[in-house]
């Protein structure tokens, strides 16, 4: 029973780390888009 609880806690922790990484990546993409120079119009 304790092993099952430990596995569940590790899986839950991994899930939250994954979600945080995805959120950080999305925020970085927004900053990159917002700060990229606009190409000159022809």
N, C-alpha and C. Protein backbone atom coordinates (compact mmCIF):
# COMPACT_ATOMS: atom_id res chain seq x y z
N UNK A 1 0.83 -1.20 0.00
CA UNK A 1 0.00 0.00 0.00
C UNK A 1 0.87 1.26 0.00
N UNK A 2 1.95 1.25 0.77
CA UNK A 2 2.83 2.42 0.83
C UNK A 2 3.52 2.65 -0.51
N UNK A 3 3.87 1.55 -1.20
CA UNK A 3 4.52 1.71 -2.51
C UNK A 3 3.57 2.34 -3.52
N UNK A 4 2.31 1.94 -3.48
CA UNK A 4 1.31 2.50 -4.38
C UNK A 4 1.14 4.00 -4.14
N UNK A 5 1.10 4.40 -2.88
CA UNK A 5 1.00 5.81 -2.52
C UNK A 5 2.23 6.57 -2.99
N UNK A 6 3.39 5.99 -2.83
CA UNK A 6 4.63 6.64 -3.27
C UNK A 6 4.64 6.81 -4.79
N UNK A 7 4.23 5.78 -5.51
CA UNK A 7 4.18 5.86 -6.97
C UNK A 7 3.18 6.93 -7.40
N UNK A 8 2.04 7.00 -6.74
CA UNK A 8 1.04 8.01 -7.07
C UNK A 8 1.57 9.42 -6.81
N UNK A 9 2.28 9.61 -5.72
CA UNK A 9 2.83 10.93 -5.41
C UNK A 9 3.91 11.33 -6.42
N UNK A 10 4.74 10.38 -6.81
CA UNK A 10 5.78 10.67 -7.80
C UNK A 10 5.14 11.02 -9.14
N UNK A 11 4.10 10.27 -9.53
CA UNK A 11 3.41 10.56 -10.79
C UNK A 11 2.75 11.94 -10.74
N UNK A 12 2.14 12.27 -9.63
CA UNK A 12 1.50 13.58 -9.48
C UNK A 12 2.55 14.69 -9.54
N UNK A 13 3.67 14.50 -8.89
CA UNK A 13 4.75 15.49 -8.95
C UNK A 13 5.27 15.66 -10.36
N UNK A 14 5.44 14.56 -11.08
CA UNK A 14 5.89 14.62 -12.47
C UNK A 14 4.91 15.36 -13.35
N UNK A 15 3.63 15.14 -13.10
CA UNK A 15 2.59 15.83 -13.87
C UNK A 15 2.67 17.34 -13.67
N UNK A 16 2.84 17.77 -12.42
CA UNK A 16 2.92 19.21 -12.15
C UNK A 16 4.18 19.82 -12.73
N UNK A 17 5.28 19.10 -12.70
CA UNK A 17 6.51 19.59 -13.33
C UNK A 17 6.31 19.73 -14.83
N UNK A 18 5.67 18.74 -15.44
CA UNK A 18 5.40 18.79 -16.88
C UNK A 18 4.53 20.00 -17.24
N UNK A 19 3.47 20.22 -16.46
CA UNK A 19 2.59 21.37 -16.72
C UNK A 19 3.34 22.69 -16.57
N UNK A 20 4.22 22.79 -15.59
CA UNK A 20 4.99 24.03 -15.39
C UNK A 20 5.94 24.27 -16.56
N UNK A 21 6.57 23.20 -17.03
CA UNK A 21 7.48 23.33 -18.18
C UNK A 21 6.70 23.79 -19.41
N UNK A 22 5.52 23.22 -19.64
CA UNK A 22 4.70 23.62 -20.77
C UNK A 22 4.27 25.09 -20.65
N UNK A 23 3.91 25.52 -19.45
CA UNK A 23 3.49 26.91 -19.24
C UNK A 23 4.67 27.86 -19.47
N UNK A 24 5.85 27.48 -18.99
CA UNK A 24 7.03 28.32 -19.20
C UNK A 24 7.38 28.42 -20.69
N UNK A 25 7.24 27.30 -21.39
CA UNK A 25 7.53 27.31 -22.83
C UNK A 25 6.54 28.19 -23.57
N UNK A 26 5.26 28.13 -23.20
CA UNK A 26 4.25 28.96 -23.85
C UNK A 26 4.52 30.44 -23.59
N UNK A 27 4.89 30.77 -22.35
CA UNK A 27 5.20 32.16 -22.03
C UNK A 27 6.42 32.64 -22.80
N UNK A 28 7.43 31.79 -22.93
CA UNK A 28 8.63 32.16 -23.69
C UNK A 28 8.29 32.39 -25.16
N UNK A 29 7.41 31.55 -25.71
CA UNK A 29 6.98 31.74 -27.10
C UNK A 29 6.27 33.08 -27.27
N UNK A 30 5.43 33.46 -26.30
CA UNK A 30 4.75 34.75 -26.39
C UNK A 30 5.75 35.90 -26.34
N UNK A 31 6.73 35.81 -25.44
CA UNK A 31 7.73 36.87 -25.35
C UNK A 31 8.55 36.95 -26.63
N UNK A 32 8.88 35.80 -27.20
CA UNK A 32 9.66 35.80 -28.44
C UNK A 32 8.86 36.45 -29.56
N UNK A 33 7.58 36.11 -29.65
CA UNK A 33 6.73 36.71 -30.68
C UNK A 33 6.58 38.21 -30.48
N UNK A 34 6.46 38.62 -29.23
CA UNK A 34 6.24 40.05 -28.93
C UNK A 34 7.48 40.89 -29.15
N UNK A 35 8.65 40.29 -28.98
CA UNK A 35 9.89 41.09 -29.06
C UNK A 35 10.67 40.88 -30.34
N UNK A 36 10.19 40.01 -31.25
CA UNK A 36 10.87 39.84 -32.52
C UNK A 36 10.71 41.11 -33.35
N UNK A 37 11.77 41.49 -34.06
CA UNK A 37 11.63 42.68 -34.92
C UNK A 37 10.66 42.38 -36.05
N UNK A 38 9.90 43.40 -36.41
CA UNK A 38 8.92 43.25 -37.50
C UNK A 38 9.67 43.43 -38.81
N UNK A 39 9.52 42.50 -39.74
CA UNK A 39 10.21 42.66 -41.02
C UNK A 39 9.68 43.87 -41.79
N UNK A 40 10.55 44.54 -42.51
CA UNK A 40 10.16 45.74 -43.24
C UNK A 40 9.20 45.36 -44.38
N UNK A 41 8.18 46.19 -44.59
CA UNK A 41 7.23 45.95 -45.68
C UNK A 41 7.85 46.35 -46.99
N UNK A 42 7.50 45.65 -48.03
CA UNK A 42 8.05 45.97 -49.36
C UNK A 42 7.09 46.80 -50.15
